[in-house]
Amino acid sequence: MAAIYRAIIRRADKFVPPKMQPFWNHPAGPKTVFFWAPCFKWRNCQSKSYTGVTQYPWYSLVIIPKNWNLFGVNVFVATTGLYQLSRIYK
């Protein structure tokens, strides 16, 4: 599976414009799991467990490389979770 992924990336490398090369080759860019993992973290708030509502958004800024995509997702998930908890409390 990894060999297939590397082959696809090698082919895609040829089509990335020069201006996009820094983003494409960044340690947290689209060629890595650091970029794609937060994309799969979005989920329906109705099915969310409230026990782990604080998603520690700052953790994504402590790890190296800094992952702003993950930070944004974590802030959103924590905000919606806290909002849902406030609705339950009321």
PDB file of N, CA and C in Angstrom:
ATOM      1  N   MET A   1       0.817  -1.185   0.000  1.00  0.00           N
ATOM      2  CA  MET A   1       0.000   0.000   0.000  1.00  0.00           C
ATOM      3  C   MET A   1       0.869   1.262   0.000  1.00  0.00           C
ATOM      4  N   ALA A   2       1.942   1.243   0.799  1.00  0.00           N
ATOM      5  CA  ALA A   2       2.833   2.398   0.855  1.00  0.00           C
ATOM      6  C   ALA A   2       3.522   2.614  -0.491  1.00  0.00           C
ATOM      7  N   ALA A   3       3.843   1.538  -1.175  1.00  0.00           N
ATOM      8  CA  ALA A   3       4.501   1.658  -2.483  1.00  0.00           C
ATOM      9  C   ALA A   3       3.563   2.319  -3.493  1.00  0.00           C
ATOM     10  N   ILE A   4       2.296   1.988  -3.419  1.00  0.00           N
ATOM     11  CA  ILE A   4       1.310   2.594  -4.322  1.00  0.00           C
ATOM     12  C   ILE A   4       1.198   4.088  -4.027  1.00  0.00           C
ATOM     13  N   TYR A   5       1.145   4.432  -2.744  1.00  0.00           N
ATOM     14  CA  TYR A   5       1.060   5.843  -2.353  1.00  0.00           C
ATOM     15  C   TYR A   5       2.275   6.624  -2.848  1.00  0.00           C
ATOM     16  N   ARG A   6       3.457   6.063  -2.642  1.00  0.00           N
ATOM     17  CA  ARG A   6       4.685   6.751  -3.101  1.00  0.00           C
ATOM     18  C   ARG A   6       4.689   6.923  -4.615  1.00  0.00           C
ATOM     19  N   ALA A   7       4.198   5.944  -5.356  1.00  0.00           N
ATOM     20  CA  ALA A   7       4.137   6.052  -6.815  1.00  0.00           C
ATOM     21  C   ALA A   7       3.179   7.166  -7.235  1.00  0.00           C
ATOM     22  N   ILE A   8       2.057   7.254  -6.562  1.00  0.00           N
ATOM     23  CA  ILE A   8       1.090   8.316  -6.867  1.00  0.00           C
ATOM     24  C   ILE A   8       1.690   9.684  -6.574  1.00  0.00           C
ATOM     25  N   ILE A   9       2.370   9.813  -5.442  1.00  0.00           N
ATOM     26  CA  ILE A   9       2.991  11.095  -5.073  1.00  0.00           C
ATOM     27  C   ILE A   9       4.080  11.476  -6.075  1.00  0.00           C
ATOM     28  N   ARG A  10       4.900  10.500  -6.499  1.00  0.00           N
ATOM     29  CA  ARG A  10       5.943  10.802  -7.495  1.00  0.00           C
ATOM     30  C   ARG A  10       5.340  11.346  -8.782  1.00  0.00           C
ATOM     31  N   ARG A  11       4.217  10.780  -9.200  1.00  0.00           N
ATOM     32  CA  ARG A  11       3.552  11.277 -10.413  1.00  0.00           C
ATOM     33  C   ARG A  11       2.946  12.654 -10.171  1.00  0.00           C
ATOM     34  N   ALA A  12       2.345  12.849  -9.007  1.00  0.00           N
ATOM     35  CA  ALA A  12       1.715  14.138  -8.693  1.00  0.00           C
ATOM     36  C   ALA A  12       2.751  15.249  -8.557  1.00  0.00           C
ATOM     37  N   ASP A  13       3.967  14.907  -8.114  1.00  0.00           N
ATOM     38  CA  ASP A  13       5.035  15.909  -7.958  1.00  0.00           C
ATOM     39  C   ASP A  13       5.266  16.681  -9.252  1.00  0.00           C
ATOM     40  N   LYS A  14       5.099  16.030 -10.377  1.00  0.00           N
ATOM     41  CA  LYS A  14       5.357  16.660 -11.682  1.00  0.00           C
ATOM     42  C   LYS A  14       4.334  17.747 -12.013  1.00  0.00           C
ATOM     43  N   PHE A  15       3.148  17.674 -11.409  1.00  0.00           N
ATOM     44  CA  PHE A  15       2.070  18.591 -11.760  1.00  0.00           C
ATOM     45  C   PHE A  15       1.900  19.746 -10.769  1.00  0.00           C
ATOM     46  N   VAL A  16       2.670  19.750  -9.704  1.00  0.00           N
ATOM     47  CA  VAL A  16       2.556  20.816  -8.711  1.00  0.00           C
ATOM     48  C   VAL A  16       3.295  22.049  -9.228  1.00  0.00           C
ATOM     49  N   PRO A  17       2.592  23.199  -9.306  1.00  0.00           N
ATOM     50  CA  PRO A  17       3.246  24.413  -9.800  1.00  0.00           C
ATOM     51  C   PRO A  17       4.370  24.863  -8.857  1.00  0.00           C
ATOM     52  N   PRO A  18       5.359  25.552  -9.386  1.00  0.00           N
ATOM     53  CA  PRO A  18       6.493  25.995  -8.559  1.00  0.00           C
ATOM     54  C   PRO A  18       6.081  26.821  -7.338  1.00  0.00           C
ATOM     55  N   LYS A  19       5.051  27.651  -7.461  1.00  0.00           N
ATOM     56  CA  LYS A  19       4.616  28.463  -6.321  1.00  0.00           C
ATOM     57  C   LYS A  19       4.041  27.610  -5.199  1.00  0.00           C
ATOM     58  N   MET A  20       3.522  26.445  -5.522  1.00  0.00           N
ATOM     59  CA  MET A  20       2.918  25.566  -4.532  1.00  0.00           C
ATOM     60  C   MET A  20       3.917  24.562  -3.950  1.00  0.00           C
ATOM     61  N   GLN A  21       5.145  24.520  -4.469  1.00  0.00           N
ATOM     62  CA  GLN A  21       6.149  23.559  -4.003  1.00  0.00           C
ATOM     63  C   GLN A  21       6.440  23.653  -2.505  1.00  0.00           C
ATOM     64  N   PRO A  22       6.598  24.872  -1.921  1.00  0.00           N
ATOM     65  CA  PRO A  22       6.858  24.927  -0.475  1.00  0.00           C
ATOM     66  C   PRO A  22       5.729  24.290   0.346  1.00  0.00           C
ATOM     67  N   PHE A  23       4.480  24.556  -0.042  1.00  0.00           N
ATOM     68  CA  PHE A  23       3.340  23.950   0.656  1.00  0.00           C
ATOM     69  C   PHE A  23       3.313  22.438   0.436  1.00  0.00           C
ATOM     70  N   TRP A  24       3.542  22.020  -0.789  1.00  0.00           N
ATOM     71  CA  TRP A  24       3.504  20.602  -1.153  1.00  0.00           C
ATOM     72  C   TRP A  24       4.577  19.809  -0.407  1.00  0.00           C
ATOM     73  N   ASN A  25       5.756  20.393  -0.232  1.00  0.00           N
ATOM     74  CA  ASN A  25       6.880  19.687   0.396  1.00  0.00           C
ATOM     75  C   ASN A  25       7.034  19.986   1.884  1.00  0.00           C
ATOM     76  N   HIS A  26       6.112  20.751   2.457  1.00  0.00           N
ATOM     77  CA  HIS A  26       6.175  21.089   3.885  1.00  0.00           C
ATOM     78  C   HIS A  26       6.056  19.818   4.731  1.00  0.00           C
ATOM     79  N   PRO A  27       6.722  19.765   5.903  1.00  0.00           N
ATOM     80  CA  PRO A  27       6.628  18.575   6.766  1.00  0.00           C
ATOM     81  C   PRO A  27       5.211  18.236   7.218  1.00  0.00           C
ATOM     82  N   ALA A  28       4.297  19.215   7.182  1.00  0.00           N
ATOM     83  CA  ALA A  28       2.895  18.944   7.510  1.00  0.00           C
ATOM     84  C   ALA A  28       2.012  19.187   6.287  1.00  0.00           C
ATOM     85  N   GLY A  29       2.591  19.050   5.110  1.00  0.00           N
ATOM     86  CA  GLY A  29       1.855  19.299   3.873  1.00  0.00           C
ATOM     87  C   GLY A  29       1.038  18.102   3.420  1.00  0.00           C
ATOM     88  N   PRO A  30       0.412  18.225   2.236  1.00  0.00           N
ATOM     89  CA  PRO A  30      -0.502  17.201   1.748  1.00  0.00           C
ATOM     90  C   PRO A  30       0.162  15.856   1.436  1.00  0.00           C
ATOM     91  N   LYS A  31       1.459  15.795   1.450  1.00  0.00           N
ATOM     92  CA  LYS A  31       2.136  14.511   1.202  1.00  0.00           C
ATOM     93  C   LYS A  31       2.249  13.672   2.473  1.00  0.00           C
ATOM     94  N   THR A  32       1.784  14.208   3.611  1.00  0.00           N
ATOM     95  CA  THR A  32       1.961  13.518   4.889  1.00  0.00           C
ATOM     96  C   THR A  32       0.625  13.255   5.567  1.00  0.00           C
ATOM     97  N   VAL A  33       0.659  12.379   6.539  1.00  0.00           N
ATOM     98  CA  VAL A  33      -0.543  12.075   7.330  1.00  0.00           C
ATOM     99  C   VAL A  33      -0.924  13.262   8.211  1.00  0.00           C
ATOM    100  N   PHE A  34       0.038  14.132   8.531  1.00  0.00           N
ATOM    101  CA  PHE A  34      -0.242  15.301   9.358  1.00  0.00           C
ATOM    102  C   PHE A  34      -1.267  16.215   8.708  1.00  0.00           C
ATOM    103  N   PHE A  35      -1.310  16.218   7.395  1.00  0.00           N
ATOM    104  CA  PHE A  35      -2.256  17.057   6.671  1.00  0.00           C
ATOM    105  C   PHE A  35      -3.627  16.395   6.586  1.00  0.00           C
ATOM    106  N   TRP A  36      -3.659  15.105   6.296  1.00  0.00           N
ATOM    107  CA  TRP A  36      -4.920  14.415   6.024  1.00  0.00           C
ATOM    108  C   TRP A  36      -5.657  13.945   7.271  1.00  0.00           C
ATOM    109  N   ALA A  37      -4.963  13.662   8.353  1.00  0.00           N
ATOM    110  CA  ALA A  37      -5.626  13.167   9.561  1.00  0.00           C
ATOM    111  C   ALA A  37      -6.675  14.144  10.089  1.00  0.00           C
ATOM    112  N   PRO A  38      -6.395  15.464  10.165  1.00  0.00           N
ATOM    113  CA  PRO A  38      -7.436  16.379  10.647  1.00  0.00           C
ATOM    114  C   PRO A  38      -8.665  16.418   9.739  1.00  0.00           C
ATOM    115  N   CYS A  39      -8.471  16.159   8.459  1.00  0.00           N
ATOM    116  CA  CYS A  39      -9.611  16.176   7.537  1.00  0.00           C
ATOM    117  C   CYS A  39     -10.623  15.097   7.891  1.00  0.00           C
ATOM    118  N   PHE A  40     -10.162  13.993   8.458  1.00  0.00           N
ATOM    119  CA  PHE A  40     -11.055  12.899   8.825  1.00  0.00           C
ATOM    120  C   PHE A  40     -11.572  13.045  10.255  1.00  0.00           C
ATOM    121  N   LYS A  41     -11.126  14.085  10.944  1.00  0.00           N
ATOM    122  CA  LYS A  41     -11.561  14.285  12.322  1.00  0.00           C
ATOM    123  C   LYS A  41     -12.928  14.963  12.399  1.00  0.00           C
ATOM    124  N   TRP A  42     -13.346  15.641  11.327  1.00  0.00           N
ATOM    125  CA  TRP A  42     -14.655  16.285  11.320  1.00  0.00           C
ATOM    126  C   TRP A  42     -15.714  15.205  11.471  1.00  0.00           C
ATOM    127  N   ARG A  43     -16.671  15.448  12.329  1.00  0.00           N
ATOM    128  CA  ARG A  43     -17.729  14.461  12.536  1.00  0.00           C
ATOM    129  C   ARG A  43     -19.015  15.149  12.977  1.00  0.00           C
ATOM    130  N   ASN A  44     -20.081  14.390  12.995  1.00  0.00           N
ATOM    131  CA  ASN A  44     -21.382  14.904  13.369  1.00  0.00           C
ATOM    132  C   ASN A  44     -21.399  15.187  14.871  1.00  0.00           C
ATOM    133  N   CYS A  45     -21.791  16.393  15.237  1.00  0.00           N
ATOM    134  CA  CYS A  45     -21.801  16.776  16.657  1.00  0.00           C
ATOM    135  C   CYS A  45     -22.855  16.021  17.451  1.00  0.00           C
ATOM    136  N   GLN A  46     -23.897  15.531  16.802  1.00  0.00           N
ATOM    137  CA  GLN A  46     -24.941  14.806  17.510  1.00  0.00           C
ATOM    138  C   GLN A  46     -24.430  13.475  18.040  1.00  0.00           C
ATOM    139  N   SER A  47     -23.464  12.880  17.356  1.00  0.00           N
ATOM    140  CA  SER A  47     -22.959  11.570  17.779  1.00  0.00           C
ATOM    141  C   SER A  47     -21.702  11.688  18.637  1.00  0.00           C
ATOM    142  N   LYS A  48     -21.396  12.900  19.069  1.00  0.00           N
ATOM    143  CA  LYS A  48     -20.166  13.147  19.817  1.00  0.00           C
ATOM    144  C   LYS A  48     -20.301  12.720  21.279  1.00  0.00           C
ATOM    145  N   SER A  49     -19.253  12.140  21.794  1.00  0.00           N
ATOM    146  CA  SER A  49     -19.200  11.807  23.211  1.00  0.00           C
ATOM    147  C   SER A  49     -18.753  13.052  23.965  1.00  0.00           C
ATOM    148  N   TYR A  50     -19.436  13.401  25.030  1.00  0.00           N
ATOM    149  CA  TYR A  50     -19.123  14.627  25.763  1.00  0.00           C
ATOM    150  C   TYR A  50     -18.083  14.415  26.851  1.00  0.00           C
ATOM    151  N   THR A  51     -17.650  13.183  27.049  1.00  0.00           N
ATOM    152  CA  THR A  51     -16.658  12.939  28.098  1.00  0.00           C
ATOM    153  C   THR A  51     -15.304  13.521  27.723  1.00  0.00           C
ATOM    154  N   GLY A  52     -14.963  13.527  26.468  1.00  0.00           N
ATOM    155  CA  GLY A  52     -13.665  14.058  26.036  1.00  0.00           C
ATOM    156  C   GLY A  52     -13.823  15.335  25.260  1.00  0.00           C
ATOM    157  N   VAL A  53     -14.662  16.249  25.758  1.00  0.00           N
ATOM    158  CA  VAL A  53     -15.012  17.435  24.983  1.00  0.00           C
ATOM    159  C   VAL A  53     -13.844  18.398  24.810  1.00  0.00           C
ATOM    160  N   THR A  54     -12.948  18.471  25.764  1.00  0.00           N
ATOM    161  CA  THR A  54     -11.791  19.351  25.577  1.00  0.00           C
ATOM    162  C   THR A  54     -10.788  18.597  24.725  1.00  0.00           C
ATOM    163  N   GLN A  55     -10.620  19.038  23.528  1.00  0.00           N
ATOM    164  CA  GLN A  55      -9.791  18.347  22.544  1.00  0.00           C
ATOM    165  C   GLN A  55      -8.340  18.805  22.582  1.00  0.00           C
ATOM    166  N   TYR A  56      -7.983  19.591  23.579  1.00  0.00           N
ATOM    167  CA  TYR A  56      -6.617  20.108  23.710  1.00  0.00           C
ATOM    168  C   TYR A  56      -6.128  20.745  22.409  1.00  0.00           C
ATOM    169  N   PRO A  57      -6.765  21.843  21.975  1.00  0.00           N
ATOM    170  CA  PRO A  57      -6.365  22.467  20.715  1.00  0.00           C
ATOM    171  C   PRO A  57      -4.901  22.898  20.698  1.00  0.00           C
ATOM    172  N   TRP A  58      -4.351  23.281  21.850  1.00  0.00           N
ATOM    173  CA  TRP A  58      -2.972  23.769  21.883  1.00  0.00           C
ATOM    174  C   TRP A  58      -1.961  22.662  21.607  1.00  0.00           C
ATOM    175  N   TYR A  59      -2.352  21.402  21.750  1.00  0.00           N
ATOM    176  CA  TYR A  59      -1.418  20.297  21.500  1.00  0.00           C
ATOM    177  C   TYR A  59      -0.907  20.325  20.065  1.00  0.00           C
ATOM    178  N   SER A  60      -1.757  20.732  19.132  1.00  0.00           N
ATOM    179  CA  SER A  60      -1.342  20.751  17.732  1.00  0.00           C
ATOM    180  C   SER A  60      -0.304  21.833  17.455  1.00  0.00           C
ATOM    181  N   LEU A  61      -0.117  22.763  18.389  1.00  0.00           N
ATOM    182  CA  LEU A  61       0.912  23.791  18.217  1.00  0.00           C
ATOM    183  C   LEU A  61       2.198  23.430  18.945  1.00  0.00           C
ATOM    184  N   VAL A  62       2.139  22.393  19.785  1.00  0.00           N
ATOM    185  CA  VAL A  62       3.319  21.955  20.527  1.00  0.00           C
ATOM    186  C   VAL A  62       4.115  20.944  19.710  1.00  0.00           C
ATOM    187  N   ILE A  63       3.402  20.104  18.957  1.00  0.00           N
ATOM    188  CA  ILE A  63       4.087  19.072  18.182  1.00  0.00           C
ATOM    189  C   ILE A  63       4.855  19.709  17.031  1.00  0.00           C
ATOM    190  N   ILE A  64       5.839  19.003  16.561  1.00  0.00           N
ATOM    191  CA  ILE A  64       6.633  19.481  15.428  1.00  0.00           C
ATOM    192  C   ILE A  64       6.439  18.504  14.291  1.00  0.00           C
ATOM    193  N   PRO A  65       6.042  18.957  13.125  1.00  0.00           N
ATOM    194  CA  PRO A  65       5.807  20.333  12.703  1.00  0.00           C
ATOM    195  C   PRO A  65       4.466  20.849  13.218  1.00  0.00           C
ATOM    196  N   LYS A  66       4.372  22.190  13.365  1.00  0.00           N
ATOM    197  CA  LYS A  66       3.108  22.791  13.793  1.00  0.00           C
ATOM    198  C   LYS A  66       2.043  22.457  12.753  1.00  0.00           C
ATOM    199  N   ASN A  67       0.896  22.041  13.237  1.00  0.00           N
ATOM    200  CA  ASN A  67      -0.172  21.637  12.333  1.00  0.00           C
ATOM    201  C   ASN A  67      -1.375  22.554  12.544  1.00  0.00           C
ATOM    202  N   TRP A  68      -1.466  23.601  11.733  1.00  0.00           N
ATOM    203  CA  TRP A  68      -2.535  24.585  11.870  1.00  0.00           C
ATOM    204  C   TRP A  68      -3.879  24.005  11.459  1.00  0.00           C
ATOM    205  N   ASN A  69      -3.878  23.064  10.539  1.00  0.00           N
ATOM    206  CA  ASN A  69      -5.115  22.398  10.139  1.00  0.00           C
ATOM    207  C   ASN A  69      -5.709  21.643  11.324  1.00  0.00           C
ATOM    208  N   LEU A  70      -4.882  20.898  12.030  1.00  0.00           N
ATOM    209  CA  LEU A  70      -5.326  20.171  13.210  1.00  0.00           C
ATOM    210  C   LEU A  70      -5.786  21.133  14.305  1.00  0.00           C
ATOM    211  N   PHE A  71      -5.084  22.242  14.469  1.00  0.00           N
ATOM    212  CA  PHE A  71      -5.465  23.247  15.463  1.00  0.00           C
ATOM    213  C   PHE A  71      -6.869  23.785  15.171  1.00  0.00           C
ATOM    214  N   GLY A  72      -7.134  24.108  13.913  1.00  0.00           N
ATOM    215  CA  GLY A  72      -8.449  24.616  13.541  1.00  0.00           C
ATOM    216  C   GLY A  72      -9.558  23.612  13.815  1.00  0.00           C
ATOM    217  N   VAL A  73      -9.320  22.373  13.475  1.00  0.00           N
ATOM    218  CA  VAL A  73     -10.307  21.322  13.728  1.00  0.00           C
ATOM    219  C   VAL A  73     -10.536  21.164  15.220  1.00  0.00           C
ATOM    220  N   ASN A  74      -9.470  21.141  16.007  1.00  0.00           N
ATOM    221  CA  ASN A  74      -9.608  20.965  17.454  1.00  0.00           C
ATOM    222  C   ASN A  74     -10.353  22.134  18.103  1.00  0.00           C
ATOM    223  N   VAL A  75     -10.094  23.352  17.652  1.00  0.00           N
ATOM    224  CA  VAL A  75     -10.812  24.510  18.195  1.00  0.00           C
ATOM    225  C   VAL A  75     -12.300  24.388  17.871  1.00  0.00           C
ATOM    226  N   PHE A  76     -12.611  24.001  16.645  1.00  0.00           N
ATOM    227  CA  PHE A  76     -14.006  23.848  16.249  1.00  0.00           C
ATOM    228  C   PHE A  76     -14.699  22.758  17.060  1.00  0.00           C
ATOM    229  N   VAL A  77     -14.052  21.608  17.199  1.00  0.00           N
ATOM    230  CA  VAL A  77     -14.652  20.493  17.943  1.00  0.00           C
ATOM    231  C   VAL A  77     -14.834  20.872  19.418  1.00  0.00           C
ATOM    232  N   ALA A  78     -13.840  21.521  20.012  1.00  0.00           N
ATOM    233  CA  ALA A  78     -13.957  21.934  21.418  1.00  0.00           C
ATOM    234  C   ALA A  78     -15.069  22.960  21.588  1.00  0.00           C
ATOM    235  N   THR A  79     -15.173  23.904  20.659  1.00  0.00           N
ATOM    236  CA  THR A  79     -16.214  24.935  20.742  1.00  0.00           C
ATOM    237  C   THR A  79     -17.604  24.321  20.629  1.00  0.00           C
ATOM    238  N   THR A  80     -17.799  23.460  19.649  1.00  0.00           N
ATOM    239  CA  THR A  80     -19.115  22.848  19.496  1.00  0.00           C
ATOM    240  C   THR A  80     -19.441  21.946  20.682  1.00  0.00           C
ATOM    241  N   GLY A  81     -18.463  21.246  21.206  1.00  0.00           N
ATOM    242  CA  GLY A  81     -18.682  20.399  22.380  1.00  0.00           C
ATOM    243  C   GLY A  81     -19.068  21.210  23.600  1.00  0.00           C
ATOM    244  N   LEU A  82     -18.383  22.330  23.816  1.00  0.00           N
ATOM    245  CA  LEU A  82     -18.720  23.194  24.950  1.00  0.00           C
ATOM    246  C   LEU A  82     -20.106  23.817  24.779  1.00  0.00           C
ATOM    247  N   TYR A  83     -20.436  24.166  23.545  1.00  0.00           N
ATOM    248  CA  TYR A  83     -21.782  24.687  23.278  1.00  0.00           C
ATOM    249  C   TYR A  83     -22.845  23.634  23.596  1.00  0.00           C
ATOM    250  N   GLN A  84     -22.602  22.398  23.173  1.00  0.00           N
ATOM    251  CA  GLN A  84     -23.558  21.325  23.453  1.00  0.00           C
ATOM    252  C   GLN A  84     -23.677  21.080  24.964  1.00  0.00           C
ATOM    253  N   LEU A  85     -22.559  21.148  25.663  1.00  0.00           N
ATOM    254  CA  LEU A  85     -22.604  20.986  27.121  1.00  0.00           C
ATOM    255  C   LEU A  85     -23.400  22.109  27.779  1.00  0.00           C
ATOM    256  N   SER A  86     -23.246  23.328  27.265  1.00  0.00           N
ATOM    257  CA  SER A  86     -24.028  24.440  27.822  1.00  0.00           C
ATOM    258  C   SER A  86     -25.515  24.238  27.578  1.00  0.00           C
ATOM    259  N   ARG A  87     -25.871  23.665  26.442  1.00  0.00           N
ATOM    260  CA  ARG A  87     -27.282  23.371  26.171  1.00  0.00           C
ATOM    261  C   ARG A  87     -27.802  22.286  27.121  1.00  0.00           C
ATOM    262  N   ILE A  88     -26.993  21.300  27.391  1.00  0.00           N
ATOM    263  CA  ILE A  88     -27.396  20.231  28.326  1.00  0.00           C
ATOM    264  C   ILE A  88     -27.563  20.803  29.716  1.00  0.00           C
ATOM    265  N   TYR A  89     -26.647  21.681  30.117  1.00  0.00           N
ATOM    266  CA  TYR A  89     -26.694  22.278  31.447  1.00  0.00           C
ATOM    267  C   TYR A  89     -27.963  23.112  31.634  1.00  0.00           C
ATOM    268  N   LYS A  90     -28.323  23.871  30.592  1.00  0.00           N
ATOM    269  CA  LYS A  90     -29.532  24.723  30.671  1.00  0.00           C
ATOM    270  C   LYS A  90     -30.758  23.840  30.717  1.00  0.00           C
TER     271      LYS A  90
END
